[in-house]
mmCIF file of all heavy atoms, coordinates in Angstrom:
data_MODEL
# 
_entry.id   MODEL 
# 
loop_
_atom_site.group_PDB 
_atom_site.id 
_atom_site.type_symbol 
_atom_site.label_atom_id 
_atom_site.label_alt_id 
_atom_site.label_comp_id 
_atom_site.label_asym_id 
_atom_site.label_entity_id 
_atom_site.label_seq_id 
_atom_site.pdbx_PDB_ins_code 
_atom_site.Cartn_x 
_atom_site.Cartn_y 
_atom_site.Cartn_z 
_atom_site.occupancy 
_atom_site.B_iso_or_equiv 
_atom_site.pdbx_formal_charge 
_atom_site.auth_seq_id 
_atom_site.auth_comp_id 
_atom_site.auth_asym_id 
_atom_site.auth_atom_id 
_atom_site.pdbx_PDB_model_num 
ATOM 1   N N   . GLU A 1 1  ? 90.904  119.081 112.633 1.00 0.00 ? 1  GLU A N   1 
ATOM 2   C CA  . GLU A 1 1  ? 91.186  117.621 112.632 1.00 0.00 ? 1  GLU A CA  1 
ATOM 3   C C   . GLU A 1 1  ? 92.581  117.235 112.077 1.00 0.00 ? 1  GLU A C   1 
ATOM 4   O O   . GLU A 1 1  ? 93.051  116.146 112.385 1.00 0.00 ? 1  GLU A O   1 
ATOM 5   C CB  . GLU A 1 1  ? 90.052  116.876 111.872 1.00 0.00 ? 1  GLU A CB  1 
ATOM 6   C CG  . GLU A 1 1  ? 90.091  117.193 110.399 1.00 0.00 ? 1  GLU A CG  1 
ATOM 7   C CD  . GLU A 1 1  ? 89.171  116.265 109.609 1.00 0.00 ? 1  GLU A CD  1 
ATOM 8   O OE1 . GLU A 1 1  ? 88.812  115.175 110.183 1.00 0.00 ? 1  GLU A OE1 1 
ATOM 9   O OE2 . GLU A 1 1  ? 88.728  116.739 108.562 1.00 0.00 ? 1  GLU A OE2 1 
ATOM 10  N N   . LEU A 1 2  ? 93.203  118.125 111.369 1.00 0.00 ? 2  LEU A N   1 
ATOM 11  C CA  . LEU A 1 2  ? 94.447  117.839 110.771 1.00 0.00 ? 2  LEU A CA  1 
ATOM 12  C C   . LEU A 1 2  ? 95.648  117.927 111.774 1.00 0.00 ? 2  LEU A C   1 
ATOM 13  O O   . LEU A 1 2  ? 96.677  117.301 111.585 1.00 0.00 ? 2  LEU A O   1 
ATOM 14  C CB  . LEU A 1 2  ? 94.745  118.729 109.604 1.00 0.00 ? 2  LEU A CB  1 
ATOM 15  C CG  . LEU A 1 2  ? 94.243  118.306 108.177 1.00 0.00 ? 2  LEU A CG  1 
ATOM 16  C CD1 . LEU A 1 2  ? 92.670  118.347 108.190 1.00 0.00 ? 2  LEU A CD1 1 
ATOM 17  C CD2 . LEU A 1 2  ? 94.685  119.321 107.134 1.00 0.00 ? 2  LEU A CD2 1 
ATOM 18  N N   . LEU A 1 3  ? 95.437  118.758 112.841 1.00 0.00 ? 3  LEU A N   1 
ATOM 19  C CA  . LEU A 1 3  ? 96.603  119.160 113.637 1.00 0.00 ? 3  LEU A CA  1 
ATOM 20  C C   . LEU A 1 3  ? 97.331  118.041 114.230 1.00 0.00 ? 3  LEU A C   1 
ATOM 21  O O   . LEU A 1 3  ? 98.610  118.115 114.340 1.00 0.00 ? 3  LEU A O   1 
ATOM 22  C CB  . LEU A 1 3  ? 96.077  120.197 114.742 1.00 0.00 ? 3  LEU A CB  1 
ATOM 23  C CG  . LEU A 1 3  ? 95.431  121.522 114.168 1.00 0.00 ? 3  LEU A CG  1 
ATOM 24  C CD1 . LEU A 1 3  ? 95.064  122.376 115.280 1.00 0.00 ? 3  LEU A CD1 1 
ATOM 25  C CD2 . LEU A 1 3  ? 96.373  122.185 113.149 1.00 0.00 ? 3  LEU A CD2 1 
ATOM 26  N N   . CYS A 1 4  ? 96.666  117.010 114.726 1.00 0.00 ? 4  CYS A N   1 
ATOM 27  C CA  . CYS A 1 4  ? 97.258  115.925 115.445 1.00 0.00 ? 4  CYS A CA  1 
ATOM 28  C C   . CYS A 1 4  ? 97.229  114.610 114.709 1.00 0.00 ? 4  CYS A C   1 
ATOM 29  O O   . CYS A 1 4  ? 97.526  113.527 115.263 1.00 0.00 ? 4  CYS A O   1 
ATOM 30  C CB  . CYS A 1 4  ? 96.671  115.769 116.822 1.00 0.00 ? 4  CYS A CB  1 
ATOM 31  S SG  . CYS A 1 4  ? 96.829  117.214 117.907 1.00 0.00 ? 4  CYS A SG  1 
ATOM 32  N N   . ASP A 1 5  ? 96.845  114.581 113.493 1.00 0.00 ? 5  ASP A N   1 
ATOM 33  C CA  . ASP A 1 5  ? 96.614  113.435 112.710 1.00 0.00 ? 5  ASP A CA  1 
ATOM 34  C C   . ASP A 1 5  ? 97.656  113.332 111.531 1.00 0.00 ? 5  ASP A C   1 
ATOM 35  O O   . ASP A 1 5  ? 97.537  114.116 110.612 1.00 0.00 ? 5  ASP A O   1 
ATOM 36  C CB  . ASP A 1 5  ? 95.211  113.407 112.077 1.00 0.00 ? 5  ASP A CB  1 
ATOM 37  C CG  . ASP A 1 5  ? 94.845  112.013 111.398 1.00 0.00 ? 5  ASP A CG  1 
ATOM 38  O OD1 . ASP A 1 5  ? 95.716  111.515 110.720 1.00 0.00 ? 5  ASP A OD1 1 
ATOM 39  O OD2 . ASP A 1 5  ? 93.780  111.490 111.628 1.00 0.00 ? 5  ASP A OD2 1 
ATOM 40  N N   . GLU A 1 6  ? 98.678  112.414 111.669 1.00 0.00 ? 6  GLU A N   1 
ATOM 41  C CA  . GLU A 1 6  ? 99.802  112.396 110.725 1.00 0.00 ? 6  GLU A CA  1 
ATOM 42  C C   . GLU A 1 6  ? 99.303  112.110 109.304 1.00 0.00 ? 6  GLU A C   1 
ATOM 43  O O   . GLU A 1 6  ? 99.961  112.592 108.293 1.00 0.00 ? 6  GLU A O   1 
ATOM 44  C CB  . GLU A 1 6  ? 100.782 111.315 111.200 1.00 0.00 ? 6  GLU A CB  1 
ATOM 45  C CG  . GLU A 1 6  ? 101.499 111.698 112.496 1.00 0.00 ? 6  GLU A CG  1 
ATOM 46  C CD  . GLU A 1 6  ? 102.632 110.744 112.850 1.00 0.00 ? 6  GLU A CD  1 
ATOM 47  O OE1 . GLU A 1 6  ? 102.953 109.934 111.911 1.00 0.00 ? 6  GLU A OE1 1 
ATOM 48  O OE2 . GLU A 1 6  ? 103.165 110.861 113.983 1.00 0.00 ? 6  GLU A OE2 1 
ATOM 49  N N   . ASP A 1 7  ? 98.314  111.283 109.190 1.00 0.00 ? 7  ASP A N   1 
ATOM 50  C CA  . ASP A 1 7  ? 97.783  110.939 107.836 1.00 0.00 ? 7  ASP A CA  1 
ATOM 51  C C   . ASP A 1 7  ? 97.104  112.185 107.211 1.00 0.00 ? 7  ASP A C   1 
ATOM 52  O O   . ASP A 1 7  ? 97.347  112.459 105.985 1.00 0.00 ? 7  ASP A O   1 
ATOM 53  C CB  . ASP A 1 7  ? 96.814  109.768 107.918 1.00 0.00 ? 7  ASP A CB  1 
ATOM 54  C CG  . ASP A 1 7  ? 97.490  108.474 108.330 1.00 0.00 ? 7  ASP A CG  1 
ATOM 55  O OD1 . ASP A 1 7  ? 98.737  108.288 107.926 1.00 0.00 ? 7  ASP A OD1 1 
ATOM 56  O OD2 . ASP A 1 7  ? 96.906  107.689 108.979 1.00 0.00 ? 7  ASP A OD2 1 
ATOM 57  N N   . LYS A 1 8  ? 96.310  112.860 107.939 1.00 0.00 ? 8  LYS A N   1 
ATOM 58  C CA  . LYS A 1 8  ? 95.592  113.967 107.448 1.00 0.00 ? 8  LYS A CA  1 
ATOM 59  C C   . LYS A 1 8  ? 96.440  115.280 107.162 1.00 0.00 ? 8  LYS A C   1 
ATOM 60  O O   . LYS A 1 8  ? 96.203  115.978 106.301 1.00 0.00 ? 8  LYS A O   1 
ATOM 61  C CB  . LYS A 1 8  ? 94.368  114.341 108.223 1.00 0.00 ? 8  LYS A CB  1 
ATOM 62  C CG  . LYS A 1 8  ? 93.298  113.184 108.315 1.00 0.00 ? 8  LYS A CG  1 
ATOM 63  C CD  . LYS A 1 8  ? 92.174  113.556 109.292 1.00 0.00 ? 8  LYS A CD  1 
ATOM 64  C CE  . LYS A 1 8  ? 91.175  112.375 109.207 1.00 0.00 ? 8  LYS A CE  1 
ATOM 65  N NZ  . LYS A 1 8  ? 90.107  112.651 110.100 1.00 0.00 ? 8  LYS A NZ  1 
ATOM 66  N N   . ASN A 1 9  ? 97.432  115.457 108.048 1.00 0.00 ? 9  ASN A N   1 
ATOM 67  C CA  . ASN A 1 9  ? 98.282  116.617 107.873 1.00 0.00 ? 9  ASN A CA  1 
ATOM 68  C C   . ASN A 1 9  ? 99.490  116.431 107.000 1.00 0.00 ? 9  ASN A C   1 
ATOM 69  O O   . ASN A 1 9  ? 100.408 117.292 106.919 1.00 0.00 ? 9  ASN A O   1 
ATOM 70  C CB  . ASN A 1 9  ? 98.660  117.311 109.180 1.00 0.00 ? 9  ASN A CB  1 
ATOM 71  C CG  . ASN A 1 9  ? 99.555  116.393 110.106 1.00 0.00 ? 9  ASN A CG  1 
ATOM 72  O OD1 . ASN A 1 9  ? 100.403 115.704 109.567 1.00 0.00 ? 9  ASN A OD1 1 
ATOM 73  N ND2 . ASN A 1 9  ? 99.334  116.513 111.422 1.00 0.00 ? 9  ASN A ND2 1 
ATOM 74  N N   . ALA A 1 10 ? 99.604  115.213 106.389 1.00 0.00 ? 10 ALA A N   1 
ATOM 75  C CA  . ALA A 1 10 ? 100.683 114.870 105.552 1.00 0.00 ? 10 ALA A CA  1 
ATOM 76  C C   . ALA A 1 10 ? 102.078 114.823 106.222 1.00 0.00 ? 10 ALA A C   1 
ATOM 77  O O   . ALA A 1 10 ? 103.104 115.071 105.465 1.00 0.00 ? 10 ALA A O   1 
ATOM 78  C CB  . ALA A 1 10 ? 100.745 115.829 104.314 1.00 0.00 ? 10 ALA A CB  1 
ATOM 79  N N   . TYR A 1 11 ? 102.125 114.527 107.476 1.00 0.00 ? 11 TYR A N   1 
ATOM 80  C CA  . TYR A 1 11 ? 103.372 114.485 108.245 1.00 0.00 ? 11 TYR A CA  1 
ATOM 81  C C   . TYR A 1 11 ? 104.314 113.501 107.573 1.00 0.00 ? 11 TYR A C   1 
ATOM 82  O O   . TYR A 1 11 ? 103.945 112.310 107.347 1.00 0.00 ? 11 TYR A O   1 
ATOM 83  C CB  . TYR A 1 11 ? 103.059 114.177 109.656 1.00 0.00 ? 11 TYR A CB  1 
ATOM 84  C CG  . TYR A 1 11 ? 104.343 114.223 110.591 1.00 0.00 ? 11 TYR A CG  1 
ATOM 85  C CD1 . TYR A 1 11 ? 104.811 115.408 111.051 1.00 0.00 ? 11 TYR A CD1 1 
ATOM 86  C CD2 . TYR A 1 11 ? 105.027 113.038 110.889 1.00 0.00 ? 11 TYR A CD2 1 
ATOM 87  C CE1 . TYR A 1 11 ? 105.967 115.434 111.829 1.00 0.00 ? 11 TYR A CE1 1 
ATOM 88  C CE2 . TYR A 1 11 ? 106.077 113.026 111.736 1.00 0.00 ? 11 TYR A CE2 1 
ATOM 89  C CZ  . TYR A 1 11 ? 106.602 114.312 112.221 1.00 0.00 ? 11 TYR A CZ  1 
ATOM 90  O OH  . TYR A 1 11 ? 107.667 114.294 112.975 1.00 0.00 ? 11 TYR A OH  1 
ATOM 91  N N   . ASP A 1 12 ? 105.565 113.883 107.381 1.00 0.00 ? 12 ASP A N   1 
ATOM 92  C CA  . ASP A 1 12 ? 106.569 113.036 106.858 1.00 0.00 ? 12 ASP A CA  1 
ATOM 93  C C   . ASP A 1 12 ? 107.750 112.953 107.782 1.00 0.00 ? 12 ASP A C   1 
ATOM 94  O O   . ASP A 1 12 ? 108.578 113.816 107.951 1.00 0.00 ? 12 ASP A O   1 
ATOM 95  C CB  . ASP A 1 12 ? 106.995 113.597 105.524 1.00 0.00 ? 12 ASP A CB  1 
ATOM 96  C CG  . ASP A 1 12 ? 108.000 112.614 104.751 1.00 0.00 ? 12 ASP A CG  1 
ATOM 97  O OD1 . ASP A 1 12 ? 108.608 111.664 105.453 1.00 0.00 ? 12 ASP A OD1 1 
ATOM 98  O OD2 . ASP A 1 12 ? 108.276 112.777 103.616 1.00 0.00 ? 12 ASP A OD2 1 
ATOM 99  N N   . PRO A 1 13 ? 107.891 111.871 108.509 1.00 0.00 ? 13 PRO A N   1 
ATOM 100 C CA  . PRO A 1 13 ? 108.992 111.815 109.513 1.00 0.00 ? 13 PRO A CA  1 
ATOM 101 C C   . PRO A 1 13 ? 110.406 111.815 108.901 1.00 0.00 ? 13 PRO A C   1 
ATOM 102 O O   . PRO A 1 13 ? 111.363 112.112 109.582 1.00 0.00 ? 13 PRO A O   1 
ATOM 103 C CB  . PRO A 1 13 ? 108.740 110.426 110.230 1.00 0.00 ? 13 PRO A CB  1 
ATOM 104 C CG  . PRO A 1 13 ? 107.943 109.685 109.254 1.00 0.00 ? 13 PRO A CG  1 
ATOM 105 C CD  . PRO A 1 13 ? 107.105 110.684 108.481 1.00 0.00 ? 13 PRO A CD  1 
ATOM 106 N N   . ASN A 1 14 ? 110.461 111.552 107.611 1.00 0.00 ? 14 ASN A N   1 
ATOM 107 C CA  . ASN A 1 14 ? 111.794 111.617 107.015 1.00 0.00 ? 14 ASN A CA  1 
ATOM 108 C C   . ASN A 1 14 ? 112.171 113.017 106.617 1.00 0.00 ? 14 ASN A C   1 
ATOM 109 O O   . ASN A 1 14 ? 113.344 113.210 106.296 1.00 0.00 ? 14 ASN A O   1 
ATOM 110 C CB  . ASN A 1 14 ? 111.710 110.700 105.652 1.00 0.00 ? 14 ASN A CB  1 
ATOM 111 C CG  . ASN A 1 14 ? 111.490 109.281 105.950 1.00 0.00 ? 14 ASN A CG  1 
ATOM 112 O OD1 . ASN A 1 14 ? 112.122 108.683 106.723 1.00 0.00 ? 14 ASN A OD1 1 
ATOM 113 N ND2 . ASN A 1 14 ? 110.501 108.706 105.166 1.00 0.00 ? 14 ASN A ND2 1 
ATOM 114 N N   . CYS A 1 15 ? 111.261 113.888 106.639 1.00 0.00 ? 15 CYS A N   1 
ATOM 115 C CA  . CYS A 1 15 ? 111.567 115.370 106.298 1.00 0.00 ? 15 CYS A CA  1 
ATOM 116 C C   . CYS A 1 15 ? 111.435 116.265 107.538 1.00 0.00 ? 15 CYS A C   1 
ATOM 117 O O   . CYS A 1 15 ? 112.095 117.269 107.607 1.00 0.00 ? 15 CYS A O   1 
ATOM 118 C CB  . CYS A 1 15 ? 110.608 115.817 105.270 1.00 0.00 ? 15 CYS A CB  1 
ATOM 119 S SG  . CYS A 1 15 ? 110.784 115.051 103.634 1.00 0.00 ? 15 CYS A SG  1 
ATOM 120 N N   . ALA A 1 16 ? 110.696 115.871 108.554 1.00 0.00 ? 16 ALA A N   1 
ATOM 121 C CA  . ALA A 1 16 ? 110.347 116.822 109.569 1.00 0.00 ? 16 ALA A CA  1 
ATOM 122 C C   . ALA A 1 16 ? 111.367 116.571 110.709 1.00 0.00 ? 16 ALA A C   1 
ATOM 123 O O   . ALA A 1 16 ? 111.845 115.560 111.064 1.00 0.00 ? 16 ALA A O   1 
ATOM 124 C CB  . ALA A 1 16 ? 108.951 116.475 110.211 1.00 0.00 ? 16 ALA A CB  1 
ATOM 125 N N   . SER A 1 17 ? 111.721 117.689 111.351 1.00 0.00 ? 17 SER A N   1 
ATOM 126 C CA  . SER A 1 17 ? 112.691 117.803 112.521 1.00 0.00 ? 17 SER A CA  1 
ATOM 127 C C   . SER A 1 17 ? 111.779 117.856 113.827 1.00 0.00 ? 17 SER A C   1 
ATOM 128 O O   . SER A 1 17 ? 112.313 117.434 114.829 1.00 0.00 ? 17 SER A O   1 
ATOM 129 C CB  . SER A 1 17 ? 113.653 118.964 112.420 1.00 0.00 ? 17 SER A CB  1 
ATOM 130 O OG  . SER A 1 17 ? 112.932 120.216 112.378 1.00 0.00 ? 17 SER A OG  1 
ATOM 131 N N   . LEU A 1 18 ? 110.569 118.354 113.774 1.00 0.00 ? 18 LEU A N   1 
ATOM 132 C CA  . LEU A 1 18 ? 109.768 118.435 114.917 1.00 0.00 ? 18 LEU A CA  1 
ATOM 133 C C   . LEU A 1 18 ? 108.720 117.324 114.920 1.00 0.00 ? 18 LEU A C   1 
ATOM 134 O O   . LEU A 1 18 ? 108.332 116.877 113.834 1.00 0.00 ? 18 LEU A O   1 
ATOM 135 C CB  . LEU A 1 18 ? 109.061 119.829 114.984 1.00 0.00 ? 18 LEU A CB  1 
ATOM 136 C CG  . LEU A 1 18 ? 109.887 121.059 115.191 1.00 0.00 ? 18 LEU A CG  1 
ATOM 137 C CD1 . LEU A 1 18 ? 109.130 122.302 114.986 1.00 0.00 ? 18 LEU A CD1 1 
ATOM 138 C CD2 . LEU A 1 18 ? 110.541 121.044 116.520 1.00 0.00 ? 18 LEU A CD2 1 
ATOM 139 N N   . PRO A 1 19 ? 108.272 116.916 116.019 1.00 0.00 ? 19 PRO A N   1 
ATOM 140 C CA  . PRO A 1 19 ? 107.241 115.784 116.086 1.00 0.00 ? 19 PRO A CA  1 
ATOM 141 C C   . PRO A 1 19 ? 105.891 116.332 115.735 1.00 0.00 ? 19 PRO A C   1 
ATOM 142 O O   . PRO A 1 19 ? 105.636 117.552 115.836 1.00 0.00 ? 19 PRO A O   1 
ATOM 143 C CB  . PRO A 1 19 ? 107.256 115.306 117.591 1.00 0.00 ? 19 PRO A CB  1 
ATOM 144 C CG  . PRO A 1 19 ? 107.694 116.516 118.304 1.00 0.00 ? 19 PRO A CG  1 
ATOM 145 C CD  . PRO A 1 19 ? 108.752 117.316 117.400 1.00 0.00 ? 19 PRO A CD  1 
ATOM 146 N N   . CYS A 1 20 ? 105.002 115.405 115.342 1.00 0.00 ? 20 CYS A N   1 
ATOM 147 C CA  . CYS A 1 20 ? 103.661 115.786 115.024 1.00 0.00 ? 20 CYS A CA  1 
ATOM 148 C C   . CYS A 1 20 ? 102.945 116.197 116.341 1.00 0.00 ? 20 CYS A C   1 
ATOM 149 O O   . CYS A 1 20 ? 103.277 115.570 117.456 1.00 0.00 ? 20 CYS A O   1 
ATOM 150 C CB  . CYS A 1 20 ? 102.922 114.659 114.407 1.00 0.00 ? 20 CYS A CB  1 
ATOM 151 S SG  . CYS A 1 20 ? 101.259 115.038 113.900 1.00 0.00 ? 20 CYS A SG  1 
ATOM 152 N N   . PRO A 1 21 ? 102.225 117.234 116.438 1.00 0.00 ? 21 PRO A N   1 
ATOM 153 C CA  . PRO A 1 21 ? 101.580 117.694 117.728 1.00 0.00 ? 21 PRO A CA  1 
ATOM 154 C C   . PRO A 1 21 ? 100.695 116.538 118.313 1.00 0.00 ? 21 PRO A C   1 
ATOM 155 O O   . PRO A 1 21 ? 100.089 115.681 117.632 1.00 0.00 ? 21 PRO A O   1 
ATOM 156 C CB  . PRO A 1 21 ? 100.751 118.902 117.301 1.00 0.00 ? 21 PRO A CB  1 
ATOM 157 C CG  . PRO A 1 21 ? 101.368 119.364 115.947 1.00 0.00 ? 21 PRO A CG  1 
ATOM 158 C CD  . PRO A 1 21 ? 101.935 118.109 115.296 1.00 0.00 ? 21 PRO A CD  1 
ATOM 159 N N   . VAL A 1 22 ? 100.572 116.677 119.619 1.00 0.00 ? 22 VAL A N   1 
ATOM 160 C CA  . VAL A 1 22 ? 99.679  115.745 120.385 1.00 0.00 ? 22 VAL A CA  1 
ATOM 161 C C   . VAL A 1 22 ? 98.844  116.613 121.288 1.00 0.00 ? 22 VAL A C   1 
ATOM 162 O O   . VAL A 1 22 ? 99.311  117.616 121.844 1.00 0.00 ? 22 VAL A O   1 
ATOM 163 C CB  . VAL A 1 22 ? 100.441 114.764 121.224 1.00 0.00 ? 22 VAL A CB  1 
ATOM 164 C CG1 . VAL A 1 22 ? 99.552  113.985 122.094 1.00 0.00 ? 22 VAL A CG1 1 
ATOM 165 C CG2 . VAL A 1 22 ? 101.345 113.856 120.312 1.00 0.00 ? 22 VAL A CG2 1 
ATOM 166 N N   . ASP A 1 23 ? 97.574  116.374 121.390 1.00 0.00 ? 23 ASP A N   1 
ATOM 167 C CA  . ASP A 1 23 ? 96.629  117.130 122.240 1.00 0.00 ? 23 ASP A CA  1 
ATOM 168 C C   . ASP A 1 23 ? 96.705  118.629 121.886 1.00 0.00 ? 23 ASP A C   1 
ATOM 169 O O   . ASP A 1 23 ? 96.884  119.485 122.734 1.00 0.00 ? 23 ASP A O   1 
ATOM 170 C CB  . ASP A 1 23 ? 96.951  116.940 123.717 1.00 0.00 ? 23 ASP A CB  1 
ATOM 171 C CG  . ASP A 1 23 ? 96.747  115.452 124.129 1.00 0.00 ? 23 ASP A CG  1 
ATOM 172 O OD1 . ASP A 1 23 ? 95.789  114.844 123.543 1.00 0.00 ? 23 ASP A OD1 1 
ATOM 173 O OD2 . ASP A 1 23 ? 97.562  115.004 124.907 1.00 0.00 ? 23 ASP A OD2 1 
ATOM 174 N N   . PHE A 1 24 ? 96.725  118.866 120.587 1.00 0.00 ? 24 PHE A N   1 
ATOM 175 C CA  . PHE A 1 24 ? 96.874  120.317 120.053 1.00 0.00 ? 24 PHE A CA  1 
ATOM 176 C C   . PHE A 1 24 ? 95.422  120.722 119.554 1.00 0.00 ? 24 PHE A C   1 
ATOM 177 O O   . PHE A 1 24 ? 95.027  120.258 118.597 1.00 0.00 ? 24 PHE A O   1 
ATOM 178 C CB  . PHE A 1 24 ? 97.912  120.407 119.039 1.00 0.00 ? 24 PHE A CB  1 
ATOM 179 C CG  . PHE A 1 24 ? 98.133  121.744 118.519 1.00 0.00 ? 24 PHE A CG  1 
ATOM 180 C CD1 . PHE A 1 24 ? 97.867  122.960 119.275 1.00 0.00 ? 24 PHE A CD1 1 
ATOM 181 C CD2 . PHE A 1 24 ? 98.657  121.934 117.273 1.00 0.00 ? 24 PHE A CD2 1 
ATOM 182 C CE1 . PHE A 1 24 ? 98.111  124.134 118.673 1.00 0.00 ? 24 PHE A CE1 1 
ATOM 183 C CE2 . PHE A 1 24 ? 98.909  123.149 116.762 1.00 0.00 ? 24 PHE A CE2 1 
ATOM 184 C CZ  . PHE A 1 24 ? 98.603  124.287 117.404 1.00 0.00 ? 24 PHE A CZ  1 
ATOM 185 N N   . GLU A 1 25 ? 94.854  121.730 120.256 1.00 0.00 ? 25 GLU A N   1 
ATOM 186 C CA  . GLU A 1 25 ? 93.547  122.221 119.769 1.00 0.00 ? 25 GLU A CA  1 
ATOM 187 C C   . GLU A 1 25 ? 93.628  123.755 119.685 1.00 0.00 ? 25 GLU A C   1 
ATOM 188 O O   . GLU A 1 25 ? 93.832  124.392 120.672 1.00 0.00 ? 25 GLU A O   1 
ATOM 189 C CB  . GLU A 1 25 ? 92.370  121.725 120.722 1.00 0.00 ? 25 GLU A CB  1 
ATOM 190 C CG  . GLU A 1 25 ? 91.038  122.146 120.166 1.00 0.00 ? 25 GLU A CG  1 
ATOM 191 C CD  . GLU A 1 25 ? 89.867  121.513 121.015 1.00 0.00 ? 25 GLU A CD  1 
ATOM 192 O OE1 . GLU A 1 25 ? 90.172  120.579 121.699 1.00 0.00 ? 25 GLU A OE1 1 
ATOM 193 O OE2 . GLU A 1 25 ? 88.769  121.911 120.775 1.00 0.00 ? 25 GLU A OE2 1 
ATOM 194 N N   . ALA A 1 26 ? 93.489  124.223 118.531 1.00 0.00 ? 26 ALA A N   1 
ATOM 195 C CA  . ALA A 1 26 ? 93.528  125.654 118.271 1.00 0.00 ? 26 ALA A CA  1 
ATOM 196 C C   . ALA A 1 26 ? 92.146  126.404 118.439 1.00 0.00 ? 26 ALA A C   1 
ATOM 197 O O   . ALA A 1 26 ? 91.180  125.765 118.360 1.00 0.00 ? 26 ALA A O   1 
ATOM 198 C CB  . ALA A 1 26 ? 94.159  125.898 116.869 1.00 0.00 ? 26 ALA A CB  1 
ATOM 199 N N   . GLU A 1 27 ? 92.215  127.686 118.568 1.00 0.00 ? 27 GLU A N   1 
ATOM 200 C CA  . GLU A 1 27 ? 91.035  128.445 118.524 1.00 0.00 ? 27 GLU A CA  1 
ATOM 201 C C   . GLU A 1 27 ? 90.436  128.479 117.088 1.00 0.00 ? 27 GLU A C   1 
ATOM 202 O O   . GLU A 1 27 ? 91.181  128.376 116.137 1.00 0.00 ? 27 GLU A O   1 
ATOM 203 C CB  . GLU A 1 27 ? 91.284  129.959 119.017 1.00 0.00 ? 27 GLU A CB  1 
ATOM 204 C CG  . GLU A 1 27 ? 91.928  130.037 120.350 1.00 0.00 ? 27 GLU A CG  1 
ATOM 205 C CD  . GLU A 1 27 ? 90.980  129.679 121.451 1.00 0.00 ? 27 GLU A CD  1 
ATOM 206 O OE1 . GLU A 1 27 ? 89.733  129.906 121.248 1.00 0.00 ? 27 GLU A OE1 1 
ATOM 207 O OE2 . GLU A 1 27 ? 91.431  129.283 122.536 1.00 0.00 ? 27 GLU A OE2 1 
ATOM 208 N N   . GLU A 1 28 ? 89.109  128.545 117.030 1.00 0.00 ? 28 GLU A N   1 
ATOM 209 C CA  . GLU A 1 28 ? 88.535  128.556 115.659 1.00 0.00 ? 28 GLU A CA  1 
ATOM 210 C C   . GLU A 1 28 ? 88.432  129.911 115.084 1.00 0.00 ? 28 GLU A C   1 
ATOM 211 O O   . GLU A 1 28 ? 87.902  130.820 115.779 1.00 0.00 ? 28 GLU A O   1 
ATOM 212 C CB  . GLU A 1 28 ? 87.105  127.833 115.799 1.00 0.00 ? 28 GLU A CB  1 
ATOM 213 C CG  . GLU A 1 28 ? 87.227  126.334 116.092 1.00 0.00 ? 28 GLU A CG  1 
ATOM 214 C CD  . GLU A 1 28 ? 85.847  125.701 116.028 1.00 0.00 ? 28 GLU A CD  1 
ATOM 215 O OE1 . GLU A 1 28 ? 84.884  126.395 115.807 1.00 0.00 ? 28 GLU A OE1 1 
ATOM 216 O OE2 . GLU A 1 28 ? 85.802  124.410 116.058 1.00 0.00 ? 28 GLU A OE2 1 
ATOM 217 N N   . LEU A 1 29 ? 88.702  130.054 113.885 1.00 0.00 ? 29 LEU A N   1 
ATOM 218 C CA  . LEU A 1 29 ? 88.687  131.355 113.123 1.00 0.00 ? 29 LEU A CA  1 
ATOM 219 C C   . LEU A 1 29 ? 87.221  131.671 112.742 1.00 0.00 ? 29 LEU A C   1 
ATOM 220 O O   . LEU A 1 29 ? 86.409  130.800 112.525 1.00 0.00 ? 29 LEU A O   1 
ATOM 221 C CB  . LEU A 1 29 ? 89.461  131.330 111.842 1.00 0.00 ? 29 LEU A CB  1 
ATOM 222 C CG  . LEU A 1 29 ? 90.952  131.307 111.953 1.00 0.00 ? 29 LEU A CG  1 
ATOM 223 C CD1 . LEU A 1 29 ? 91.648  130.875 110.688 1.00 0.00 ? 29 LEU A CD1 1 
ATOM 224 C CD2 . LEU A 1 29 ? 91.466  132.779 112.352 1.00 0.00 ? 29 LEU A CD2 1 
# 
């Protein structure tokens, strides 16, 4: 649930050079 949610993954647009992912679903470990 963190991968595409800026609030949950602590995304900081002032620090990041890459955008937050969209429609990103990884395989489950």
